[in-house]
PDB file of N, CA and C in Angstrom:
ATOM      1  N   MET A   1     -19.538  21.178  41.881  1.00  0.00           N
ATOM      2  CA  MET A   1     -18.809  20.001  41.444  1.00  0.00           C
ATOM      3  C   MET A   1     -18.366  20.208  40.006  1.00  0.00           C
ATOM      4  N   THR A   2     -17.104  19.952  39.740  1.00  0.00           N
ATOM      5  CA  THR A   2     -16.589  20.070  38.370  1.00  0.00           C
ATOM      6  C   THR A   2     -16.220  18.691  37.849  1.00  0.00           C
ATOM      7  N   THR A   3     -16.309  18.551  36.549  1.00  0.00           N
ATOM      8  CA  THR A   3     -15.981  17.286  35.904  1.00  0.00           C
ATOM      9  C   THR A   3     -14.935  17.548  34.834  1.00  0.00           C
ATOM     10  N   GLN A   4     -13.940  16.699  34.775  1.00  0.00           N
ATOM     11  CA  GLN A   4     -12.928  16.812  33.725  1.00  0.00           C
ATOM     12  C   GLN A   4     -13.096  15.656  32.766  1.00  0.00           C
ATOM     13  N   ASN A   5     -12.949  15.948  31.487  1.00  0.00           N
ATOM     14  CA  ASN A   5     -13.023  14.895  30.480  1.00  0.00           C
ATOM     15  C   ASN A   5     -11.684  14.179  30.398  1.00  0.00           C
ATOM     16  N   ALA A   6     -11.715  12.866  30.394  1.00  0.00           N
ATOM     17  CA  ALA A   6     -10.484  12.083  30.250  1.00  0.00           C
ATOM     18  C   ALA A   6     -10.060  12.084  28.790  1.00  0.00           C
ATOM     19  N   GLN A   7      -8.781  12.091  28.569  1.00  0.00           N
ATOM     20  CA  GLN A   7      -8.265  12.008  27.205  1.00  0.00           C
ATOM     21  C   GLN A   7      -8.447  10.573  26.712  1.00  0.00           C
ATOM     22  N   THR A   8      -9.089  10.408  25.570  1.00  0.00           N
ATOM     23  CA  THR A   8      -9.374   9.067  25.084  1.00  0.00           C
ATOM     24  C   THR A   8      -8.427   8.609  23.988  1.00  0.00           C
ATOM     25  N   THR A   9      -7.581   9.490  23.518  1.00  0.00           N
ATOM     26  CA  THR A   9      -6.613   9.092  22.495  1.00  0.00           C
ATOM     27  C   THR A   9      -5.207   9.348  23.011  1.00  0.00           C
ATOM     28  N   ALA A  10      -4.308   8.489  22.603  1.00  0.00           N
ATOM     29  CA  ALA A  10      -2.916   8.645  23.023  1.00  0.00           C
ATOM     30  C   ALA A  10      -2.300   9.827  22.284  1.00  0.00           C
ATOM     31  N   PRO A  11      -1.413  10.552  22.947  1.00  0.00           N
ATOM     32  CA  PRO A  11      -0.748  11.650  22.250  1.00  0.00           C
ATOM     33  C   PRO A  11       0.125  11.112  21.128  1.00  0.00           C
ATOM     34  N   ALA A  12       0.291  11.911  20.105  1.00  0.00           N
ATOM     35  CA  ALA A  12       1.125  11.495  18.970  1.00  0.00           C
ATOM     36  C   ALA A  12       2.557  11.292  19.440  1.00  0.00           C
ATOM     37  N   PRO A  13       3.204  10.207  18.984  1.00  0.00           N
ATOM     38  CA  PRO A  13       4.593   9.983  19.390  1.00  0.00           C
ATOM     39  C   PRO A  13       5.519  11.032  18.784  1.00  0.00           C
ATOM     40  N   ASP A  14       6.583  11.314  19.469  1.00  0.00           N
ATOM     41  CA  ASP A  14       7.584  12.261  18.982  1.00  0.00           C
ATOM     42  C   ASP A  14       8.560  11.499  18.097  1.00  0.00           C
ATOM     43  N   LEU A  15       8.318  11.508  16.784  1.00  0.00           N
ATOM     44  CA  LEU A  15       9.141  10.726  15.864  1.00  0.00           C
ATOM     45  C   LEU A  15      10.574  11.228  15.784  1.00  0.00           C
ATOM     46  N   ALA A  16      10.814  12.458  16.204  1.00  0.00           N
ATOM     47  CA  ALA A  16      12.180  12.964  16.186  1.00  0.00           C
ATOM     48  C   ALA A  16      13.066  12.187  17.153  1.00  0.00           C
ATOM     49  N   LYS A  17      12.455  11.520  18.139  1.00  0.00           N
ATOM     50  CA  LYS A  17      13.212  10.753  19.115  1.00  0.00           C
ATOM     51  C   LYS A  17      13.317   9.282  18.731  1.00  0.00           C
ATOM     52  N   GLN A  18      12.726   8.913  17.604  1.00  0.00           N
ATOM     53  CA  GLN A  18      12.748   7.523  17.172  1.00  0.00           C
ATOM     54  C   GLN A  18      13.644   7.387  15.949  1.00  0.00           C
ATOM     55  N   GLY A  19      14.103   6.154  15.712  1.00  0.00           N
ATOM     56  CA  GLY A  19      14.922   5.897  14.541  1.00  0.00           C
ATOM     57  C   GLY A  19      14.094   5.843  13.271  1.00  0.00           C
ATOM     58  N   SER A  20      14.765   5.768  12.156  1.00  0.00           N
ATOM     59  CA  SER A  20      14.091   5.738  10.859  1.00  0.00           C
ATOM     60  C   SER A  20      13.440   4.392  10.563  1.00  0.00           C
ATOM     61  N   HIS A  21      13.843   3.344  11.297  1.00  0.00           N
ATOM     62  CA  HIS A  21      13.321   1.996  11.077  1.00  0.00           C
ATOM     63  C   HIS A  21      12.861   1.366  12.389  1.00  0.00           C
ATOM     64  N   HIS A  22      11.848   0.516  12.280  1.00  0.00           N
ATOM     65  CA  HIS A  22      11.342  -0.243  13.421  1.00  0.00           C
ATOM     66  C   HIS A  22      11.733  -1.702  13.203  1.00  0.00           C
ATOM     67  N   TRP A  23      12.149  -2.377  14.274  1.00  0.00           N
ATOM     68  CA  TRP A  23      12.561  -3.780  14.159  1.00  0.00           C
ATOM     69  C   TRP A  23      11.903  -4.634  15.242  1.00  0.00           C
ATOM     70  N   VAL A  24      11.751  -5.920  14.913  1.00  0.00           N
ATOM     71  CA  VAL A  24      11.279  -6.939  15.852  1.00  0.00           C
ATOM     72  C   VAL A  24      12.139  -8.173  15.605  1.00  0.00           C
ATOM     73  N   LEU A  25      12.663  -8.767  16.666  1.00  0.00           N
ATOM     74  CA  LEU A  25      13.484  -9.971  16.545  1.00  0.00           C
ATOM     75  C   LEU A  25      13.098 -10.953  17.656  1.00  0.00           C
ATOM     76  N   THR A  26      12.814 -12.189  17.257  1.00  0.00           N
ATOM     77  CA  THR A  26      12.530 -13.255  18.213  1.00  0.00           C
ATOM     78  C   THR A  26      13.619 -14.307  18.097  1.00  0.00           C
ATOM     79  N   LEU A  27      14.240 -14.628  19.230  1.00  0.00           N
ATOM     80  CA  LEU A  27      15.250 -15.669  19.313  1.00  0.00           C
ATOM     81  C   LEU A  27      14.722 -16.770  20.222  1.00  0.00           C
ATOM     82  N   GLU A  28      15.103 -18.024  19.917  1.00  0.00           N
ATOM     83  CA  GLU A  28      14.611 -19.150  20.713  1.00  0.00           C
ATOM     84  C   GLU A  28      15.700 -20.182  20.951  1.00  0.00           C
ATOM     85  N   LEU A  29      15.750 -20.648  22.173  1.00  0.00           N
ATOM     86  CA  LEU A  29      16.523 -21.829  22.533  1.00  0.00           C
ATOM     87  C   LEU A  29      15.479 -22.921  22.725  1.00  0.00           C
ATOM     88  N   PRO A  30      15.312 -23.813  21.735  1.00  0.00           N
ATOM     89  CA  PRO A  30      14.214 -24.790  21.773  1.00  0.00           C
ATOM     90  C   PRO A  30      14.128 -25.537  23.110  1.00  0.00           C
ATOM     91  N   GLY A  31      12.916 -25.549  23.645  1.00  0.00           N
ATOM     92  CA  GLY A  31      12.669 -26.241  24.899  1.00  0.00           C
ATOM     93  C   GLY A  31      13.137 -25.503  26.134  1.00  0.00           C
ATOM     94  N   ARG A  32      13.815 -24.378  25.948  1.00  0.00           N
ATOM     95  CA  ARG A  32      14.344 -23.647  27.113  1.00  0.00           C
ATOM     96  C   ARG A  32      13.748 -22.266  27.264  1.00  0.00           C
ATOM     97  N   MET A  33      13.852 -21.452  26.231  1.00  0.00           N
ATOM     98  CA  MET A  33      13.351 -20.087  26.327  1.00  0.00           C
ATOM     99  C   MET A  33      13.246 -19.447  24.958  1.00  0.00           C
ATOM    100  N   SER A  34      12.456 -18.409  24.891  1.00  0.00           N
ATOM    101  CA  SER A  34      12.425 -17.565  23.702  1.00  0.00           C
ATOM    102  C   SER A  34      12.331 -16.121  24.174  1.00  0.00           C
ATOM    103  N   ALA A  35      12.774 -15.223  23.343  1.00  0.00           N
ATOM    104  CA  ALA A  35      12.751 -13.806  23.681  1.00  0.00           C
ATOM    105  C   ALA A  35      12.431 -13.003  22.439  1.00  0.00           C
ATOM    106  N   THR A  36      11.482 -12.099  22.578  1.00  0.00           N
ATOM    107  CA  THR A  36      11.143 -11.172  21.502  1.00  0.00           C
ATOM    108  C   THR A  36      11.439  -9.774  21.997  1.00  0.00           C
ATOM    109  N   GLN A  37      12.192  -9.032  21.203  1.00  0.00           N
ATOM    110  CA  GLN A  37      12.479  -7.637  21.527  1.00  0.00           C
ATOM    111  C   GLN A  37      12.185  -6.795  20.308  1.00  0.00           C
ATOM    112  N   TYR A  38      11.991  -5.499  20.526  1.00  0.00           N
ATOM    113  CA  TYR A  38      11.696  -4.592  19.433  1.00  0.00           C
ATOM    114  C   TYR A  38      12.222  -3.209  19.771  1.00  0.00           C
ATOM    115  N   GLY A  39      12.337  -2.387  18.753  1.00  0.00           N
ATOM    116  CA  GLY A  39      12.794  -1.024  18.962  1.00  0.00           C
ATOM    117  C   GLY A  39      12.902  -0.291  17.643  1.00  0.00           C
ATOM    118  N   THR A  40      13.508   0.874  17.706  1.00  0.00           N
ATOM    119  CA  THR A  40      13.748   1.654  16.499  1.00  0.00           C
ATOM    120  C   THR A  40      15.233   1.959  16.409  1.00  0.00           C
ATOM    121  N   LEU A  41      15.680   2.209  15.207  1.00  0.00           N
ATOM    122  CA  LEU A  41      17.073   2.580  14.968  1.00  0.00           C
ATOM    123  C   LEU A  41      17.177   3.284  13.635  1.00  0.00           C
ATOM    124  N   THR A  42      18.292   3.961  13.459  1.00  0.00           N
ATOM    125  CA  THR A  42      18.632   4.544  12.168  1.00  0.00           C
ATOM    126  C   THR A  42      19.925   3.871  11.733  1.00  0.00           C
ATOM    127  N   PRO A  43      19.857   3.035  10.682  1.00  0.00           N
ATOM    128  CA  PRO A  43      21.061   2.328  10.236  1.00  0.00           C
ATOM    129  C   PRO A  43      22.147   3.308   9.775  1.00  0.00           C
ATOM    130  N   ALA A  44      23.384   2.879   9.906  1.00  0.00           N
ATOM    131  CA  ALA A  44      24.506   3.684   9.438  1.00  0.00           C
ATOM    132  C   ALA A  44      24.425   3.859   7.921  1.00  0.00           C
ATOM    133  N   VAL A  45      24.952   4.944   7.434  1.00  0.00           N
ATOM    134  CA  VAL A  45      24.978   5.182   5.996  1.00  0.00           C
ATOM    135  C   VAL A  45      25.705   4.029   5.311  1.00  0.00           C
ATOM    136  N   GLY A  46      25.084   3.449   4.309  1.00  0.00           N
ATOM    137  CA  GLY A  46      25.679   2.336   3.577  1.00  0.00           C
ATOM    138  C   GLY A  46      25.448   0.970   4.198  1.00  0.00           C
ATOM    139  N   ALA A  47      24.805   0.917   5.358  1.00  0.00           N
ATOM    140  CA  ALA A  47      24.552  -0.371   6.011  1.00  0.00           C
ATOM    141  C   ALA A  47      23.537  -1.172   5.207  1.00  0.00           C
ATOM    142  N   THR A  48      23.721  -2.478   5.201  1.00  0.00           N
ATOM    143  CA  THR A  48      22.770  -3.366   4.539  1.00  0.00           C
ATOM    144  C   THR A  48      21.765  -3.883   5.558  1.00  0.00           C
ATOM    145  N   ARG A  49      20.740  -4.535   5.054  1.00  0.00           N
ATOM    146  CA  ARG A  49      19.762  -5.176   5.949  1.00  0.00           C
ATOM    147  C   ARG A  49      20.469  -6.222   6.812  1.00  0.00           C
ATOM    148  N   TYR A  50      21.406  -6.971   6.212  1.00  0.00           N
ATOM    149  CA  TYR A  50      22.150  -8.001   6.944  1.00  0.00           C
ATOM    150  C   TYR A  50      23.016  -7.372   8.042  1.00  0.00           C
ATOM    151  N   ASP A  51      23.703  -6.274   7.721  1.00  0.00           N
ATOM    152  CA  ASP A  51      24.510  -5.577   8.731  1.00  0.00           C
ATOM    153  C   ASP A  51      23.640  -5.165   9.917  1.00  0.00           C
ATOM    154  N   THR A  52      22.476  -4.632   9.614  1.00  0.00           N
ATOM    155  CA  THR A  52      21.569  -4.160  10.643  1.00  0.00           C
ATOM    156  C   THR A  52      21.036  -5.316  11.482  1.00  0.00           C
ATOM    157  N   PHE A  53      20.705  -6.424  10.816  1.00  0.00           N
ATOM    158  CA  PHE A  53      20.272  -7.632  11.535  1.00  0.00           C
ATOM    159  C   PHE A  53      21.347  -8.073  12.525  1.00  0.00           C
ATOM    160  N   LEU A  54      22.602  -8.149  12.073  1.00  0.00           N
ATOM    161  CA  LEU A  54      23.687  -8.581  12.966  1.00  0.00           C
ATOM    162  C   LEU A  54      23.870  -7.620  14.131  1.00  0.00           C
ATOM    163  N   ASP A  55      23.748  -6.312  13.873  1.00  0.00           N
ATOM    164  CA  ASP A  55      23.866  -5.329  14.953  1.00  0.00           C
ATOM    165  C   ASP A  55      22.768  -5.531  15.997  1.00  0.00           C
ATOM    166  N   ILE A  56      21.546  -5.756  15.543  1.00  0.00           N
ATOM    167  CA  ILE A  56      20.424  -5.962  16.462  1.00  0.00           C
ATOM    168  C   ILE A  56      20.622  -7.246  17.255  1.00  0.00           C
ATOM    169  N   ARG A  57      21.036  -8.304  16.576  1.00  0.00           N
ATOM    170  CA  ARG A  57      21.250  -9.593  17.259  1.00  0.00           C
ATOM    171  C   ARG A  57      22.341  -9.457  18.324  1.00  0.00           C
ATOM    172  N   ARG A  58      23.436  -8.779  17.975  1.00  0.00           N
ATOM    173  CA  ARG A  58      24.512  -8.549  18.946  1.00  0.00           C
ATOM    174  C   ARG A  58      24.010  -7.740  20.142  1.00  0.00           C
ATOM    175  N   TYR A  59      23.166  -6.759  19.879  1.00  0.00           N
ATOM    176  CA  TYR A  59      22.592  -5.940  20.949  1.00  0.00           C
ATOM    177  C   TYR A  59      21.780  -6.804  21.915  1.00  0.00           C
ATOM    178  N   ILE A  60      20.951  -7.689  21.372  1.00  0.00           N
ATOM    179  CA  ILE A  60      20.123  -8.542  22.224  1.00  0.00           C
ATOM    180  C   ILE A  60      20.990  -9.529  23.003  1.00  0.00           C
ATOM    181  N   VAL A  61      21.958 -10.139  22.340  1.00  0.00           N
ATOM    182  CA  VAL A  61      22.829 -11.121  23.001  1.00  0.00           C
ATOM    183  C   VAL A  61      23.686 -10.447  24.073  1.00  0.00           C
ATOM    184  N   ALA A  62      24.083  -9.201  23.869  1.00  0.00           N
ATOM    185  CA  ALA A  62      24.871  -8.495  24.889  1.00  0.00           C
ATOM    186  C   ALA A  62      24.084  -8.377  26.194  1.00  0.00           C
ATOM    187  N   GLY A  63      22.777  -8.218  26.084  1.00  0.00           N
ATOM    188  CA  GLY A  63      21.938  -8.120  27.273  1.00  0.00           C
ATOM    189  C   GLY A  63      21.464  -9.466  27.803  1.00  0.00           C
ATOM    190  N   ASN A  64      21.558 -10.496  26.959  1.00  0.00           N
ATOM    191  CA  ASN A  64      21.110 -11.849  27.309  1.00  0.00           C
ATOM    192  C   ASN A  64      22.097 -12.864  26.735  1.00  0.00           C
ATOM    193  N   PRO A  65      23.284 -13.009  27.321  1.00  0.00           N
ATOM    194  CA  PRO A  65      24.322 -13.871  26.751  1.00  0.00           C
ATOM    195  C   PRO A  65      23.879 -15.314  26.497  1.00  0.00           C
ATOM    196  N   GLU A  66      22.905 -15.801  27.258  1.00  0.00           N
ATOM    197  CA  GLU A  66      22.433 -17.173  27.050  1.00  0.00           C
ATOM    198  C   GLU A  66      21.794 -17.352  25.671  1.00  0.00           C
ATOM    199  N   LEU A  67      21.454 -16.266  24.995  1.00  0.00           N
ATOM    200  CA  LEU A  67      20.852 -16.347  23.662  1.00  0.00           C
ATOM    201  C   LEU A  67      21.888 -16.363  22.533  1.00  0.00           C
ATOM    202  N   SER A  68      23.154 -16.441  22.870  1.00  0.00           N
ATOM    203  CA  SER A  68      24.200 -16.374  21.837  1.00  0.00           C
ATOM    204  C   SER A  68      24.105 -17.500  20.809  1.00  0.00           C
ATOM    205  N   THR A  69      23.531 -18.646  21.182  1.00  0.00           N
ATOM    206  CA  THR A  69      23.392 -19.758  20.233  1.00  0.00           C
ATOM    207  C   THR A  69      21.930 -19.987  19.838  1.00  0.00           C
ATOM    208  N   ALA A  70      21.069 -19.017  20.123  1.00  0.00           N
ATOM    209  CA  ALA A  70      19.637 -19.175  19.853  1.00  0.00           C
ATOM    210  C   ALA A  70      19.334 -19.134  18.362  1.00  0.00           C
ATOM    211  N   ASN A  71      18.238 -19.787  18.010  1.00  0.00           N
ATOM    212  CA  ASN A  71      17.731 -19.760  16.636  1.00  0.00           C
ATOM    213  C   ASN A  71      16.920 -18.490  16.423  1.00  0.00           C
ATOM    214  N   VAL A  72      16.994 -17.956  15.217  1.00  0.00           N
ATOM    215  CA  VAL A  72      16.159 -16.815  14.847  1.00  0.00           C
ATOM    216  C   VAL A  72      14.812 -17.370  14.395  1.00  0.00           C
ATOM    217  N   VAL A  73      13.759 -16.967  15.081  1.00  0.00           N
ATOM    218  CA  VAL A  73      12.411 -17.414  14.752  1.00  0.00           C
ATOM    219  C   VAL A  73      11.707 -16.368  13.888  1.00  0.00           C
ATOM    220  N   PHE A  74      11.975 -15.092  14.154  1.00  0.00           N
ATOM    221  CA  PHE A  74      11.311 -14.018  13.418  1.00  0.00           C
ATOM    222  C   PHE A  74      12.204 -12.797  13.398  1.00  0.00           C
ATOM    223  N   PHE A  75      12.253 -12.108  12.247  1.00  0.00           N
ATOM    224  CA  PHE A  75      12.961 -10.843  12.130  1.00  0.00           C
ATOM    225  C   PHE A  75      12.204  -9.955  11.167  1.00  0.00           C
ATOM    226  N   ALA A  76      11.964  -8.722  11.583  1.00  0.00           N
ATOM    227  CA  ALA A  76      11.336  -7.738  10.701  1.00  0.00           C
ATOM    228  C   ALA A  76      12.068  -6.420  10.880  1.00  0.00           C
ATOM    229  N   LEU A  77      12.297  -5.754   9.774  1.00  0.00           N
ATOM    230  CA  LEU A  77      12.926  -4.432   9.760  1.00  0.00           C
ATOM    231  C   LEU A  77      12.202  -3.626   8.694  1.00  0.00           C
ATOM    232  N   GLU A  78      11.513  -2.583   9.121  1.00  0.00           N
ATOM    233  CA  GLU A  78      10.703  -1.798   8.199  1.00  0.00           C
ATOM    234  C   GLU A  78      10.857  -0.306   8.492  1.00  0.00           C
ATOM    235  N   SER A  79      10.523   0.493   7.516  1.00  0.00           N
ATOM    236  CA  SER A  79      10.496   1.930   7.698  1.00  0.00           C
ATOM    237  C   SER A  79       9.589   2.275   8.869  1.00  0.00           C
ATOM    238  N   ASN A  80       9.974   3.239   9.661  1.00  0.00           N
ATOM    239  CA  ASN A  80       9.184   3.647  10.815  1.00  0.00           C
ATOM    240  C   ASN A  80       8.125   4.681  10.445  1.00  0.00           C
ATOM    241  N   GLN A  81       7.988   5.004   9.202  1.00  0.00           N
ATOM    242  CA  GLN A  81       6.984   5.953   8.728  1.00  0.00           C
ATOM    243  C   GLN A  81       5.717   5.216   8.326  1.00  0.00           C
ATOM    244  N   LEU A  82       4.575   5.779   8.610  1.00  0.00           N
ATOM    245  CA  LEU A  82       3.301   5.218   8.173  1.00  0.00           C
ATOM    246  C   LEU A  82       2.847   5.905   6.910  1.00  0.00           C
TER     247      LEU A  82
END
């Protein structure tokens, strides 16, 4: 009988496949729905935080048109490096 040890730690993520920044955005239609999405991206050269926020919001609304008039409850955009 042979025994194999289970891997107890997750493999290191491949950061080359991730963007330079990590984002989280929560949108809410009060009393109806809320949606939180997250991901990584590399902003365009010269892009501002506001430009990037609008790009992310447009991305979410493109996939969920009912959120086009939703309130922003939370937004975070930070370096993806630890």
